[in-house]
Protein backbone atom coordinates (compact mmCIF):
# COMPACT_ATOMS: atom_id res chain seq x y z
CA MET A 1 42.46 -10.95 -34.20
CA GLU A 2 38.93 -9.87 -35.09
CA ALA A 3 40.36 -7.86 -38.01
CA LEU A 4 41.82 -10.94 -39.72
CA SER A 5 40.18 -12.62 -42.71
CA ILE A 6 40.37 -15.97 -44.46
CA GLY A 7 43.43 -16.00 -46.72
CA ASP A 8 45.43 -13.57 -44.57
CA MET A 9 48.94 -14.73 -43.75
CA VAL A 10 49.88 -15.36 -40.13
CA VAL A 11 53.29 -16.14 -38.66
CA THR A 12 53.69 -19.38 -36.73
CA ALA A 13 56.05 -19.91 -33.80
CA SER A 14 58.55 -21.51 -36.20
CA GLY A 15 58.62 -18.28 -38.22
CA GLU A 16 56.74 -19.75 -41.19
CA GLN A 17 53.98 -17.69 -42.80
CA ARG A 18 50.77 -19.65 -43.39
CA PRO A 19 47.37 -18.62 -44.77
CA ILE A 20 44.23 -18.66 -42.62
CA LYS A 21 41.80 -21.34 -43.74
CA TRP A 22 38.86 -20.45 -41.51
CA ILE A 23 38.02 -18.29 -38.51
CA GLY A 24 35.50 -19.56 -36.01
CA THR A 25 33.64 -17.15 -33.75
CA ARG A 26 31.24 -17.51 -30.85
CA ALA A 27 29.71 -14.86 -28.62
CA TYR A 28 27.86 -14.99 -25.31
CA ALA A 29 25.83 -12.50 -23.31
CA GLY A 30 26.50 -11.93 -19.62
CA ARG A 31 23.28 -13.63 -18.53
CA PHE A 32 24.25 -16.81 -20.40
CA LEU A 33 27.77 -16.69 -18.93
CA ARG A 34 26.43 -16.48 -15.38
CA ASN A 35 24.68 -19.82 -15.93
CA ASN A 36 27.63 -21.32 -17.83
CA PRO A 37 30.81 -20.20 -16.01
CA ASP A 38 32.88 -22.91 -17.72
CA LEU A 39 32.84 -20.71 -20.82
CA LEU A 40 34.65 -17.82 -19.11
CA PRO A 41 38.20 -17.22 -20.35
CA ILE A 42 41.56 -17.78 -18.69
CA ARG A 43 43.67 -14.65 -18.20
CA LEU A 44 47.43 -15.01 -18.60
CA GLN A 45 49.06 -11.98 -17.03
CA ALA A 46 51.79 -10.20 -18.95
CA GLY A 47 55.12 -11.91 -18.26
CA CYS A 48 53.62 -14.97 -16.54
CA LEU A 49 55.24 -17.49 -18.90
CA ALA A 50 58.65 -15.84 -19.32
CA ASP A 51 60.17 -12.36 -19.40
CA GLY A 52 57.88 -10.33 -21.67
CA ILE A 53 55.72 -13.36 -22.55
CA PRO A 54 52.95 -12.64 -23.05
CA ALA A 55 53.72 -9.02 -23.82
CA ARG A 56 50.27 -7.96 -22.61
CA ASP A 57 47.53 -9.74 -20.68
CA LEU A 58 46.21 -12.54 -22.87
CA HIS A 59 42.73 -14.09 -22.64
CA VAL A 60 42.05 -17.53 -24.10
CA SER A 61 39.27 -20.09 -23.77
CA PRO A 62 39.79 -22.71 -21.03
CA ARG A 63 40.44 -25.59 -23.46
CA HIS A 64 42.73 -23.51 -25.66
CA ALA A 65 46.26 -24.91 -25.36
CA MET A 66 49.48 -23.01 -24.87
CA PHE A 67 52.69 -24.50 -26.28
CA LEU A 68 55.06 -24.94 -23.34
CA ASP A 69 58.15 -27.14 -23.04
CA GLY A 70 57.32 -28.88 -26.31
CA CYS A 71 53.76 -29.74 -25.24
CA LEU A 72 50.24 -28.40 -25.74
CA ILE A 73 48.67 -27.66 -22.36
CA PRO A 74 45.07 -26.38 -22.06
CA ALA A 75 45.05 -23.02 -20.28
CA ALA A 76 42.63 -24.24 -17.60
CA HIS A 77 45.35 -26.58 -16.28
CA LEU A 78 47.76 -23.68 -15.75
CA VAL A 79 45.55 -21.60 -13.45
CA ASN A 80 47.40 -20.65 -10.24
CA GLY A 81 45.10 -17.95 -8.87
CA THR A 82 47.76 -15.24 -9.14
CA THR A 83 49.34 -14.71 -12.55
CA ILE A 84 47.07 -17.14 -14.40
CA THR A 85 43.45 -16.81 -13.36
CA LYS A 86 39.93 -17.57 -14.51
CA VAL A 87 37.86 -14.49 -15.26
CA GLU A 88 34.90 -14.45 -12.88
CA HIS A 89 32.49 -12.06 -14.59
CA LEU A 90 31.93 -10.50 -18.02
CA ASP A 91 29.00 -8.56 -19.47
CA SER A 92 29.70 -10.15 -22.86
CA LEU A 93 32.29 -12.40 -24.43
CA THR A 94 33.43 -13.15 -27.98
CA TYR A 95 36.00 -15.77 -28.97
CA TRP A 96 37.83 -15.98 -32.30
CA HIS A 97 39.70 -19.15 -33.29
CA ILE A 98 42.08 -19.29 -36.28
CA GLU A 99 42.31 -22.49 -38.33
CA LEU A 100 45.12 -23.30 -40.77
CA ASP A 101 45.40 -26.19 -43.24
CA SER A 102 46.96 -28.19 -40.41
CA HIS A 103 47.36 -27.69 -36.68
CA ASP A 104 50.21 -25.39 -35.70
CA VAL A 105 51.47 -23.00 -33.04
CA LEU A 106 50.69 -19.30 -33.52
CA VAL A 107 52.04 -16.35 -31.56
CA ALA A 108 49.56 -14.36 -29.45
CA GLU A 109 51.03 -11.33 -27.65
CA GLY A 110 54.38 -13.10 -27.99
CA ALA A 111 53.11 -16.32 -26.39
CA PRO A 112 53.02 -19.62 -28.32
CA SER A 113 49.38 -20.66 -28.63
CA GLU A 114 47.71 -23.35 -30.72
CA SER A 115 45.62 -22.80 -33.83
CA PHE A 116 42.14 -24.31 -33.99
CA VAL A 117 41.81 -28.00 -34.82
CA ASP A 118 38.46 -29.70 -35.30
CA ASP A 119 38.28 -32.36 -32.59
CA ASN A 120 34.50 -32.62 -32.96
CA SER A 121 34.21 -29.06 -31.67
CA ARG A 122 33.38 -27.06 -34.78
CA GLY A 123 29.71 -27.14 -33.86
CA ILE A 124 30.26 -24.81 -30.90
CA PHE A 125 30.90 -21.90 -33.26
CA HIS A 126 28.02 -19.69 -34.27
CA ASN A 127 29.37 -19.52 -37.83
CA ALA A 128 30.13 -23.25 -38.18
CA HIS A 129 27.93 -23.43 -41.30
CA THR A 130 30.33 -21.17 -43.20
CA PHE A 131 33.03 -23.86 -43.18
CA SER A 132 30.86 -26.39 -45.01
CA GLU A 133 29.80 -23.69 -47.46
CA LEU A 134 33.43 -22.87 -48.24
CA TYR A 135 34.70 -26.46 -48.34
CA ARG A 136 31.78 -28.51 -49.61
CA GLN A 137 33.92 -31.36 -50.95
CA GLU A 138 36.09 -31.68 -47.87
CA GLN A 139 35.48 -34.68 -45.64
CA ARG A 140 36.11 -34.39 -41.95
CA LYS A 141 39.27 -36.10 -40.68
CA ASP A 142 40.40 -37.05 -37.21
CA ALA A 143 42.22 -34.27 -35.40
CA VAL A 144 46.01 -34.38 -35.77
CA TYR A 145 47.91 -32.29 -33.23
CA CYS A 146 51.26 -30.67 -33.99
CA ALA A 147 52.65 -31.66 -30.56
CA PRO A 148 51.68 -33.90 -27.63
CA ARG A 149 48.62 -32.67 -25.73
CA VAL A 150 49.23 -32.93 -21.98
CA GLU A 151 46.54 -32.72 -19.29
CA ASP A 152 48.08 -34.65 -16.39
CA GLY A 153 51.21 -36.41 -15.20
CA PHE A 154 54.83 -35.46 -14.56
CA THR A 155 55.09 -33.14 -17.54
CA LEU A 156 52.17 -30.96 -16.45
CA GLU A 157 53.44 -30.93 -12.86
CA ALA A 158 56.88 -29.73 -13.98
CA VAL A 159 55.39 -26.88 -16.06
CA ARG A 160 53.02 -25.82 -13.27
CA ARG A 161 55.82 -25.79 -10.70
CA ARG A 162 57.97 -23.61 -12.91
CA LEU A 163 55.18 -21.10 -13.60
CA ASN A 164 54.11 -21.04 -9.94
CA GLN A 165 57.70 -20.44 -8.87
CA ARG A 166 57.86 -17.57 -11.36
CA ALA A 167 54.68 -16.17 -9.80
CA GLY A 168 56.31 -16.25 -6.35
CA LEU A 169 53.92 -18.86 -4.99
CA PRO A 170 54.95 -21.32 -2.27
CA LEU A 171 55.69 -24.70 -3.80
CA PRO A 172 54.66 -28.03 -2.30
CA PRO A 173 57.47 -30.50 -1.70
CA ALA A 174 58.67 -31.96 -4.97
CA HIS A 175 58.99 -35.67 -5.54
CA ALA A 176 62.16 -37.05 -4.01
CA PHE A 177 64.75 -37.31 -6.73
CA GLY A 178 66.95 -40.31 -7.14
CA GLN A 179 70.26 -40.91 -8.82
CA LEU A 180 70.22 -39.70 -12.41
CA ARG A 181 71.69 -41.94 -15.04
CA GLY A 182 71.77 -41.61 -18.79
CA TYR A 183 73.88 -40.44 -21.69
CA LEU A 184 74.09 -37.74 -24.31
CA ASP A 185 74.36 -39.98 -27.36
CA HIS A 186 74.52 -37.32 -30.07
CA CYS A 187 75.28 -33.62 -30.16
CA SER A 188 75.91 -31.60 -33.32
CA ILE A 189 75.21 -28.33 -35.12
CA ASP A 190 74.12 -28.42 -38.76
CA GLU A 191 74.99 -25.99 -41.53
CA GLN A 192 72.11 -23.69 -40.51
CA GLY A 193 73.41 -23.49 -36.94
CA ARG A 194 70.66 -25.68 -35.47
CA LEU A 195 71.71 -27.78 -32.50
CA THR A 196 70.58 -31.42 -32.32
CA VAL A 197 70.81 -33.40 -29.07
CA ARG A 198 69.80 -37.02 -28.52
CA GLY A 199 70.19 -39.33 -25.58
CA TRP A 200 68.41 -40.88 -22.63
CA ALA A 201 67.90 -40.27 -18.92
CA GLN A 202 66.36 -42.14 -16.00
CA ASP A 203 65.65 -41.20 -12.39
CA LEU A 204 66.32 -44.34 -10.33
CA ALA A 205 63.81 -43.23 -7.67
CA HIS A 206 61.10 -43.12 -10.36
CA PRO A 207 62.41 -45.68 -12.87
CA ASP A 208 59.34 -45.56 -15.13
CA GLY A 209 58.73 -41.79 -14.99
CA PRO A 210 59.89 -39.10 -17.44
CA VAL A 211 62.76 -36.76 -16.61
CA CYS A 212 62.59 -33.03 -17.36
CA LEU A 213 65.94 -31.84 -18.72
CA ASP A 214 67.62 -28.49 -19.38
CA ILE A 215 69.67 -28.13 -22.55
CA VAL A 216 72.39 -25.67 -21.56
CA VAL A 217 74.54 -24.04 -24.26
CA ASP A 218 77.48 -21.89 -23.23
CA GLY A 219 76.09 -21.66 -19.69
CA VAL A 220 72.58 -20.54 -20.72
CA VAL A 221 69.45 -22.70 -20.72
CA ALA A 222 68.49 -22.85 -24.40
CA ALA A 223 65.60 -25.34 -24.18
CA LEU A 224 63.75 -27.85 -22.05
CA THR A 225 62.85 -31.38 -23.07
CA PHE A 226 61.53 -34.57 -21.52
CA ALA A 227 63.22 -37.96 -21.55
CA GLU A 228 60.04 -39.95 -22.15
CA THR A 229 60.23 -41.36 -25.70
CA TYR A 230 60.28 -45.13 -26.18
CA ARG A 231 63.45 -46.75 -27.47
CA PRO A 232 63.51 -50.55 -27.82
CA ASP A 233 67.24 -50.78 -27.10
CA LEU A 234 66.68 -49.15 -23.71
CA GLU A 235 63.97 -51.65 -22.83
CA ARG A 236 66.18 -54.54 -23.93
CA ALA A 237 68.92 -53.18 -21.66
CA GLY A 238 66.51 -53.24 -18.72
CA ILE A 239 66.27 -49.45 -18.42
CA GLY A 240 62.75 -49.09 -17.04
CA ASP A 241 60.01 -49.51 -19.62
CA GLY A 242 62.23 -48.09 -22.37
CA CYS A 243 60.44 -44.71 -22.37
CA HIS A 244 63.48 -42.65 -21.40
CA ALA A 245 64.88 -41.25 -24.65
CA PHE A 246 64.97 -37.63 -25.76
CA SER A 247 65.66 -36.03 -29.13
CA LEU A 248 65.51 -32.31 -29.79
CA ILE A 249 66.42 -29.85 -32.53
CA LEU A 250 66.64 -26.32 -31.18
CA PRO A 251 64.83 -23.87 -33.48
CA GLU A 252 67.09 -20.87 -32.82
CA PRO A 253 70.43 -21.11 -34.71
CA PHE A 254 73.81 -20.72 -33.05
CA ALA A 255 76.84 -18.97 -34.45
CA LEU A 256 78.89 -21.09 -36.83
CA GLY A 257 82.66 -21.28 -36.94
CA ILE A 258 83.13 -21.13 -33.17
CA SER A 259 83.03 -23.74 -30.41
CA HIS A 260 80.07 -24.13 -28.04
CA GLN A 261 79.77 -25.96 -24.73
CA VAL A 262 76.65 -28.13 -24.35
CA GLU A 263 75.40 -29.64 -21.09
CA VAL A 264 72.27 -31.64 -20.33
CA ARG A 265 71.02 -31.58 -16.74
CA ARG A 266 67.91 -32.41 -14.72
CA SER A 267 65.79 -29.25 -14.52
CA ALA A 268 64.64 -29.75 -10.93
CA ASP A 269 68.03 -29.92 -9.21
CA ARG A 270 70.54 -29.29 -12.02
CA ALA A 271 72.04 -32.74 -11.65
CA PRO A 272 74.18 -33.23 -14.78
CA LEU A 273 73.38 -36.03 -17.17
CA THR A 274 76.96 -36.18 -18.37
CA THR A 275 79.93 -33.92 -18.25
CA SER A 276 79.56 -31.04 -20.67
CA ARG A 277 80.49 -31.71 -24.28
CA PRO A 278 82.21 -29.13 -26.49
CA ILE A 279 80.87 -28.62 -30.02
CA GLY A 280 83.70 -27.65 -32.29
CA ALA A 281 83.62 -25.18 -35.15
CA SER A 282 82.96 -28.14 -37.48
CA GLY A 283 79.60 -28.67 -35.78
CA LEU A 284 80.40 -32.11 -34.32
CA ALA A 285 80.96 -33.05 -30.72
CA ALA A 286 84.65 -32.77 -29.90
């Protein structure tokens, strides 16, 4: 990363190439770090997020967010003491942060990781003055994130449980699950082979909480999503607070001209939302 320069093209998680707008850097000596341990990085062990992800051990700043299950989660909230740990001692430390024209997800050692966004934090960089020199006419705007930023709640708990299970750690008892109700309202594949699923789900034991769902295509989990988006028709129907909808477009295309079987199920216990729905060669639910 330290070899990159402003104007270089980087590839985002979506596959798009985007130019670097600015690179922030900050460095600390070991003596300063001993008095300010909150600055020490988080180490994500190779393979801690998924098979081969990250490809090698990855070190990020504690507030730097990883893109997991459609959300931005600061690395400090993922620490489990085994595969994701906080570094305890360094003789020196240098951070580099890449900024694009807008917030996005980059790929670091194969792991989806956010680009820098100025949320009143540019001043922490030792070269902060270079941004104003390069962009004198630019007025600061409020930070706009490319995805929801999650630091507590059901979503974070679900991600942590999955990563801890992957690390082989004993898991505390999960919340008791209730009857799952909901519906897969829409399921189709467009001309580029991208699958779109929309619907809603509610756990009757936690009627106002989100539900983590697996999107299963041809027997393989293709994506995870959360039924937590507000839909006024759900509220009018008395389905909790109405925040139980989900809508997802899978980024990886599927083969066209053949049928696919799509199932939506609760991630925790694999309870099906509906019976599986076949997607015909035309791309519409059969």
